[in-house]
Amino acid sequence: DKEVRAIFLRLFAQLFQGYRSCLQLIRIHAEPVIHFHKAAFLGQRGLIENDFLTKVLNGMAFAGFVSERGPPFRTCDLFDELVAFEVERIKAEEGNPPKIIKHVRELAEQLFKNENPNPHIAFQKVPRPTEGSHLRVHILPFPRINESRVQELLQEGLARSQGAPPATRGDKKCVVPAGPPVGMFI
């Protein structure tokens, strides 16, 4: 699973290398708009006649990609690192399948580590039920709820949340690396 995802990650990194140099931030409106210059991107890469890439760039998925990944200050990930820093490595590996496979396996390992930061917790063993456990009946009566105590707890929680600052997400944002310019990929 991770190796297939790594292959697609590498493919899209190769396909979109240099896309950040064709982004333009327009600040006319209260909310900035990010515009992608498709003609410049295709022209600088010498791919104006490439129907597949033209259709990809005209699709809704790419428009979503630009709006999500266009801002210059956001949380960076493995794709950003590939597009910005692995350009030379990907170029050097083009004619060497063993090196490509090695790189795909490294990417798959990084994807796995990103999803499972504590691998020993991810593979917990579930104990097997004891002999005859299915015959025992463990039905405990549900305790009665004290309505006044529930109301007290709700009021305390509301009072605390009104004075507390709004919750923020823990993602670390950074300036997205631009990577090399598009003209380098011709």
C-alpha atoms as a PDB file:
ATOM      1  CA  ASP A   1       0.000   0.000   0.000  1.00  0.00           C
ATOM      2  CA  LYS A   2       2.681   2.502   1.008  1.00  0.00           C
ATOM      3  CA  GLU A   3       4.871   1.629  -1.977  1.00  0.00           C
ATOM      4  CA  VAL A   4       2.006   2.287  -4.409  1.00  0.00           C
ATOM      5  CA  ARG A   5       1.373   5.620  -2.678  1.00  0.00           C
ATOM      6  CA  ALA A   6       5.107   6.390  -2.858  1.00  0.00           C
ATOM      7  CA  ILE A   7       5.113   5.698  -6.621  1.00  0.00           C
ATOM      8  CA  PHE A   8       2.242   8.131  -7.145  1.00  0.00           C
ATOM      9  CA  LEU A   9       3.870  10.685  -4.846  1.00  0.00           C
ATOM     10  CA  ARG A  10       7.053  10.512  -6.892  1.00  0.00           C
ATOM     11  CA  LEU A  11       5.104  10.654 -10.183  1.00  0.00           C
ATOM     12  CA  PHE A  12       3.208  13.799  -9.165  1.00  0.00           C
ATOM     13  CA  ALA A  13       6.385  15.370  -7.790  1.00  0.00           C
ATOM     14  CA  GLN A  14       8.019  14.831 -11.199  1.00  0.00           C
ATOM     15  CA  LEU A  15       4.938  16.025 -13.039  1.00  0.00           C
ATOM     16  CA  PHE A  16       4.526  19.230 -11.021  1.00  0.00           C
ATOM     17  CA  GLN A  17       8.173  20.105 -10.342  1.00  0.00           C
ATOM     18  CA  GLY A  18       8.563  23.851 -10.497  1.00  0.00           C
ATOM     19  CA  TYR A  19       4.853  24.611 -10.158  1.00  0.00           C
ATOM     20  CA  ARG A  20       5.494  27.045  -7.293  1.00  0.00           C
ATOM     21  CA  SER A  21       7.435  29.374  -9.608  1.00  0.00           C
ATOM     22  CA  CYS A  22       4.253  29.769 -11.717  1.00  0.00           C
ATOM     23  CA  LEU A  23       2.005  30.729  -8.790  1.00  0.00           C
ATOM     24  CA  GLN A  24       0.969  34.324  -8.366  1.00  0.00           C
ATOM     25  CA  LEU A  25      -0.653  35.693  -5.211  1.00  0.00           C
ATOM     26  CA  ILE A  26      -3.242  38.348  -6.056  1.00  0.00           C
ATOM     27  CA  ARG A  27      -4.205  40.585  -3.141  1.00  0.00           C
ATOM     28  CA  ILE A  28      -7.038  42.615  -4.663  1.00  0.00           C
ATOM     29  CA  HIS A  29      -9.716  41.108  -2.459  1.00  0.00           C
ATOM     30  CA  ALA A  30      -9.844  40.802   1.320  1.00  0.00           C
ATOM     31  CA  GLU A  31      -8.955  37.134   0.901  1.00  0.00           C
ATOM     32  CA  PRO A  32      -5.851  36.643  -1.330  1.00  0.00           C
ATOM     33  CA  VAL A  33      -6.398  34.673  -4.544  1.00  0.00           C
ATOM     34  CA  ILE A  34      -3.765  32.301  -5.889  1.00  0.00           C
ATOM     35  CA  HIS A  35      -3.458  32.120  -9.668  1.00  0.00           C
ATOM     36  CA  PHE A  36      -1.484  29.471 -11.561  1.00  0.00           C
ATOM     37  CA  HIS A  37       0.013  30.397 -14.952  1.00  0.00           C
ATOM     38  CA  LYS A  38      -0.573  27.214 -16.946  1.00  0.00           C
ATOM     39  CA  ALA A  39       0.864  28.595 -20.194  1.00  0.00           C
ATOM     40  CA  ALA A  40       4.102  29.666 -18.481  1.00  0.00           C
ATOM     41  CA  PHE A  41       4.418  26.286 -16.755  1.00  0.00           C
ATOM     42  CA  LEU A  42       3.867  24.317 -19.950  1.00  0.00           C
ATOM     43  CA  GLY A  43       5.977  26.682 -22.063  1.00  0.00           C
ATOM     44  CA  GLN A  44       8.991  26.676 -19.760  1.00  0.00           C
ATOM     45  CA  ARG A  45       8.948  22.884 -19.635  1.00  0.00           C
ATOM     46  CA  GLY A  46       8.466  22.572 -23.399  1.00  0.00           C
ATOM     47  CA  LEU A  47       5.191  20.662 -22.958  1.00  0.00           C
ATOM     48  CA  ILE A  48       2.664  22.971 -24.645  1.00  0.00           C
ATOM     49  CA  GLU A  49       1.565  20.192 -27.021  1.00  0.00           C
ATOM     50  CA  ASN A  50       1.226  17.603 -24.220  1.00  0.00           C
ATOM     51  CA  ASP A  51      -2.528  16.854 -24.093  1.00  0.00           C
ATOM     52  CA  PHE A  52      -2.350  14.783 -20.907  1.00  0.00           C
ATOM     53  CA  LEU A  53      -0.626  17.441 -18.815  1.00  0.00           C
ATOM     54  CA  THR A  54      -2.865  20.168 -20.264  1.00  0.00           C
ATOM     55  CA  LYS A  55      -5.960  18.196 -19.244  1.00  0.00           C
ATOM     56  CA  VAL A  56      -4.521  17.572 -15.776  1.00  0.00           C
ATOM     57  CA  LEU A  57      -3.832  21.296 -15.295  1.00  0.00           C
ATOM     58  CA  ASN A  58      -7.353  22.206 -16.498  1.00  0.00           C
ATOM     59  CA  GLY A  59      -9.043  19.749 -14.113  1.00  0.00           C
ATOM     60  CA  MET A  60     -10.841  20.501 -10.877  1.00  0.00           C
ATOM     61  CA  ALA A  61      -8.413  18.339  -8.911  1.00  0.00           C
ATOM     62  CA  PHE A  62      -5.492  20.557  -9.944  1.00  0.00           C
ATOM     63  CA  ALA A  63      -7.478  23.694  -9.074  1.00  0.00           C
ATOM     64  CA  GLY A  64      -8.001  22.227  -5.596  1.00  0.00           C
ATOM     65  CA  PHE A  65      -4.313  21.333  -5.457  1.00  0.00           C
ATOM     66  CA  VAL A  66      -3.339  24.957  -6.222  1.00  0.00           C
ATOM     67  CA  SER A  67      -5.764  26.431  -3.696  1.00  0.00           C
ATOM     68  CA  GLU A  68      -4.605  24.014  -0.990  1.00  0.00           C
ATOM     69  CA  ARG A  69      -0.866  24.073  -1.694  1.00  0.00           C
ATOM     70  CA  GLY A  70      -0.534  27.567  -3.118  1.00  0.00           C
ATOM     71  CA  PRO A  71      -0.232  29.629   0.072  1.00  0.00           C
ATOM     72  CA  PRO A  72       3.420  30.416   0.797  1.00  0.00           C
ATOM     73  CA  PHE A  73       3.001  29.855   4.551  1.00  0.00           C
ATOM     74  CA  ARG A  74       1.433  26.545   5.561  1.00  0.00           C
ATOM     75  CA  THR A  75       2.289  23.142   6.985  1.00  0.00           C
ATOM     76  CA  CYS A  76       4.864  21.393   4.763  1.00  0.00           C
ATOM     77  CA  ASP A  77       4.915  17.675   4.034  1.00  0.00           C
ATOM     78  CA  LEU A  78       6.796  14.992   2.125  1.00  0.00           C
ATOM     79  CA  PHE A  79       5.488  16.168  -1.269  1.00  0.00           C
ATOM     80  CA  ASP A  80       6.857  19.677  -0.685  1.00  0.00           C
ATOM     81  CA  GLU A  81      10.254  18.238   0.214  1.00  0.00           C
ATOM     82  CA  LEU A  82      10.278  16.070  -2.933  1.00  0.00           C
ATOM     83  CA  VAL A  83       9.371  18.965  -5.224  1.00  0.00           C
ATOM     84  CA  ALA A  84      11.851  21.365  -3.630  1.00  0.00           C
ATOM     85  CA  PHE A  85      14.879  19.292  -2.672  1.00  0.00           C
ATOM     86  CA  GLU A  86      14.857  15.956  -4.529  1.00  0.00           C
ATOM     87  CA  VAL A  87      14.889  17.316  -8.113  1.00  0.00           C
ATOM     88  CA  GLU A  88      18.485  16.329  -8.841  1.00  0.00           C
ATOM     89  CA  ARG A  89      18.056  12.880  -7.299  1.00  0.00           C
ATOM     90  CA  ILE A  90      14.936  12.143  -9.356  1.00  0.00           C
ATOM     91  CA  LYS A  91      16.728  13.321 -12.523  1.00  0.00           C
ATOM     92  CA  ALA A  92      19.770  11.162 -11.794  1.00  0.00           C
ATOM     93  CA  GLU A  93      17.645   8.054 -11.178  1.00  0.00           C
ATOM     94  CA  GLU A  94      15.649   8.295 -14.437  1.00  0.00           C
ATOM     95  CA  GLY A  95      17.530   5.551 -16.299  1.00  0.00           C
ATOM     96  CA  ASN A  96      18.332   3.350 -13.302  1.00  0.00           C
ATOM     97  CA  PRO A  97      15.399   1.157 -12.138  1.00  0.00           C
ATOM     98  CA  PRO A  98      17.176  -0.244  -9.020  1.00  0.00           C
ATOM     99  CA  LYS A  99      17.792   3.311  -7.740  1.00  0.00           C
ATOM    100  CA  ILE A 100      14.167   4.262  -8.459  1.00  0.00           C
ATOM    101  CA  ILE A 101      12.932   1.224  -6.532  1.00  0.00           C
ATOM    102  CA  LYS A 102      15.253   2.070  -3.631  1.00  0.00           C
ATOM    103  CA  HIS A 103      13.913   5.650  -3.551  1.00  0.00           C
ATOM    104  CA  VAL A 104      10.295   4.420  -3.703  1.00  0.00           C
ATOM    105  CA  ARG A 105      10.967   2.112  -0.748  1.00  0.00           C
ATOM    106  CA  GLU A 106      12.511   5.002   1.218  1.00  0.00           C
ATOM    107  CA  LEU A 107       9.444   7.147   0.488  1.00  0.00           C
ATOM    108  CA  ALA A 108       7.132   4.284   1.497  1.00  0.00           C
ATOM    109  CA  GLU A 109       9.025   3.951   4.774  1.00  0.00           C
ATOM    110  CA  GLN A 110       8.641   7.692   5.422  1.00  0.00           C
ATOM    111  CA  LEU A 111       4.910   7.484   4.644  1.00  0.00           C
ATOM    112  CA  PHE A 112       4.597   4.580   7.080  1.00  0.00           C
ATOM    113  CA  LYS A 113       6.481   6.489   9.792  1.00  0.00           C
ATOM    114  CA  ASN A 114       4.273   9.552   9.251  1.00  0.00           C
ATOM    115  CA  GLU A 115       1.138   7.472   9.769  1.00  0.00           C
ATOM    116  CA  ASN A 116       2.515   5.315  12.589  1.00  0.00           C
ATOM    117  CA  PRO A 117       4.852   7.414  14.748  1.00  0.00           C
ATOM    118  CA  ASN A 118       4.709   4.765  17.529  1.00  0.00           C
ATOM    119  CA  PRO A 119       4.835   1.428  15.689  1.00  0.00           C
ATOM    120  CA  HIS A 120       4.815  -0.669  18.863  1.00  0.00           C
ATOM    121  CA  ILE A 121       1.401   0.773  19.757  1.00  0.00           C
ATOM    122  CA  ALA A 122      -0.051   0.153  16.297  1.00  0.00           C
ATOM    123  CA  PHE A 123       0.328  -3.623  16.573  1.00  0.00           C
ATOM    124  CA  GLN A 124      -1.135  -4.426  19.966  1.00  0.00           C
ATOM    125  CA  LYS A 125      -2.164  -8.011  20.501  1.00  0.00           C
ATOM    126  CA  VAL A 126      -5.739  -8.616  21.537  1.00  0.00           C
ATOM    127  CA  PRO A 127      -5.874 -11.294  24.242  1.00  0.00           C
ATOM    128  CA  ARG A 128      -7.795 -14.409  23.409  1.00  0.00           C
ATOM    129  CA  PRO A 129     -10.947 -14.912  25.493  1.00  0.00           C
ATOM    130  CA  THR A 130     -10.638 -17.489  28.234  1.00  0.00           C
ATOM    131  CA  GLU A 131     -12.270 -20.888  28.034  1.00  0.00           C
ATOM    132  CA  GLY A 132     -15.989 -20.631  28.740  1.00  0.00           C
ATOM    133  CA  SER A 133     -16.049 -16.821  28.821  1.00  0.00           C
ATOM    134  CA  HIS A 134     -18.928 -16.766  26.386  1.00  0.00           C
ATOM    135  CA  LEU A 135     -21.104 -18.581  28.924  1.00  0.00           C
ATOM    136  CA  ARG A 136     -20.782 -15.918  31.631  1.00  0.00           C
ATOM    137  CA  VAL A 137     -23.250 -13.077  31.682  1.00  0.00           C
ATOM    138  CA  HIS A 138     -21.803  -9.702  32.651  1.00  0.00           C
ATOM    139  CA  ILE A 139     -24.705  -7.337  32.669  1.00  0.00           C
ATOM    140  CA  LEU A 140     -24.223  -4.607  35.209  1.00  0.00           C
ATOM    141  CA  PRO A 141     -27.111  -2.252  35.839  1.00  0.00           C
ATOM    142  CA  PHE A 142     -26.604   1.258  34.468  1.00  0.00           C
ATOM    143  CA  PRO A 143     -26.298   3.694  37.370  1.00  0.00           C
ATOM    144  CA  ARG A 144     -28.938   6.345  37.934  1.00  0.00           C
ATOM    145  CA  ILE A 145     -27.972   9.779  36.670  1.00  0.00           C
ATOM    146  CA  ASN A 146     -28.141  12.684  39.075  1.00  0.00           C
ATOM    147  CA  GLU A 147     -29.722  15.431  36.943  1.00  0.00           C
ATOM    148  CA  SER A 148     -28.661  18.281  39.220  1.00  0.00           C
ATOM    149  CA  ARG A 149     -25.013  17.095  39.182  1.00  0.00           C
ATOM    150  CA  VAL A 150     -25.109  16.914  35.350  1.00  0.00           C
ATOM    151  CA  GLN A 151     -26.393  20.490  35.191  1.00  0.00           C
ATOM    152  CA  GLU A 152     -23.636  21.637  37.586  1.00  0.00           C
ATOM    153  CA  LEU A 153     -20.967  20.009  35.414  1.00  0.00           C
ATOM    154  CA  LEU A 154     -22.407  21.605  32.267  1.00  0.00           C
ATOM    155  CA  GLN A 155     -22.415  25.044  33.873  1.00  0.00           C
ATOM    156  CA  GLU A 156     -18.815  24.623  35.091  1.00  0.00           C
ATOM    157  CA  GLY A 157     -17.700  23.577  31.616  1.00  0.00           C
ATOM    158  CA  LEU A 158     -19.436  26.521  29.972  1.00  0.00           C
ATOM    159  CA  ALA A 159     -17.900  28.948  32.462  1.00  0.00           C
ATOM    160  CA  ARG A 160     -14.413  27.544  31.795  1.00  0.00           C
ATOM    161  CA  SER A 161     -14.807  27.571  28.004  1.00  0.00           C
ATOM    162  CA  GLN A 162     -15.962  31.198  27.932  1.00  0.00           C
ATOM    163  CA  GLY A 163     -12.775  32.391  29.620  1.00  0.00           C
ATOM    164  CA  ALA A 164     -10.413  30.063  27.750  1.00  0.00           C
ATOM    165  CA  PRO A 165      -8.633  31.082  24.524  1.00  0.00           C
ATOM    166  CA  PRO A 166      -9.876  29.344  21.347  1.00  0.00           C
ATOM    167  CA  ALA A 167      -8.353  25.952  20.657  1.00  0.00           C
ATOM    168  CA  THR A 168      -5.655  25.905  17.992  1.00  0.00           C
ATOM    169  CA  ARG A 169      -4.356  23.088  15.897  1.00  0.00           C
ATOM    170  CA  GLY A 170      -0.882  21.765  16.678  1.00  0.00           C
ATOM    171  CA  ASP A 171       0.453  21.737  13.096  1.00  0.00           C
ATOM    172  CA  LYS A 172       3.713  23.595  12.699  1.00  0.00           C
ATOM    173  CA  LYS A 173       3.497  26.020   9.798  1.00  0.00           C
ATOM    174  CA  CYS A 174       6.513  27.139   7.825  1.00  0.00           C
ATOM    175  CA  VAL A 175       7.428  28.922   4.626  1.00  0.00           C
ATOM    176  CA  VAL A 176       6.970  26.435   1.789  1.00  0.00           C
ATOM    177  CA  PRO A 177      10.217  25.932  -0.139  1.00  0.00           C
ATOM    178  CA  ALA A 178       9.854  27.084  -3.729  1.00  0.00           C
ATOM    179  CA  GLY A 179      12.265  24.621  -5.241  1.00  0.00           C
ATOM    180  CA  PRO A 180      14.094  25.167  -8.509  1.00  0.00           C
ATOM    181  CA  PRO A 181      12.499  27.224 -11.306  1.00  0.00           C
ATOM    182  CA  VAL A 182      10.524  25.502 -14.047  1.00  0.00           C
ATOM    183  CA  GLY A 183      13.102  26.260 -16.755  1.00  0.00           C
ATOM    184  CA  MET A 184      15.483  23.781 -15.135  1.00  0.00           C
ATOM    185  CA  PHE A 185      13.363  20.784 -16.199  1.00  0.00           C
ATOM    186  CA  ILE A 186      13.594  21.155 -19.981  1.00  0.00           C
END
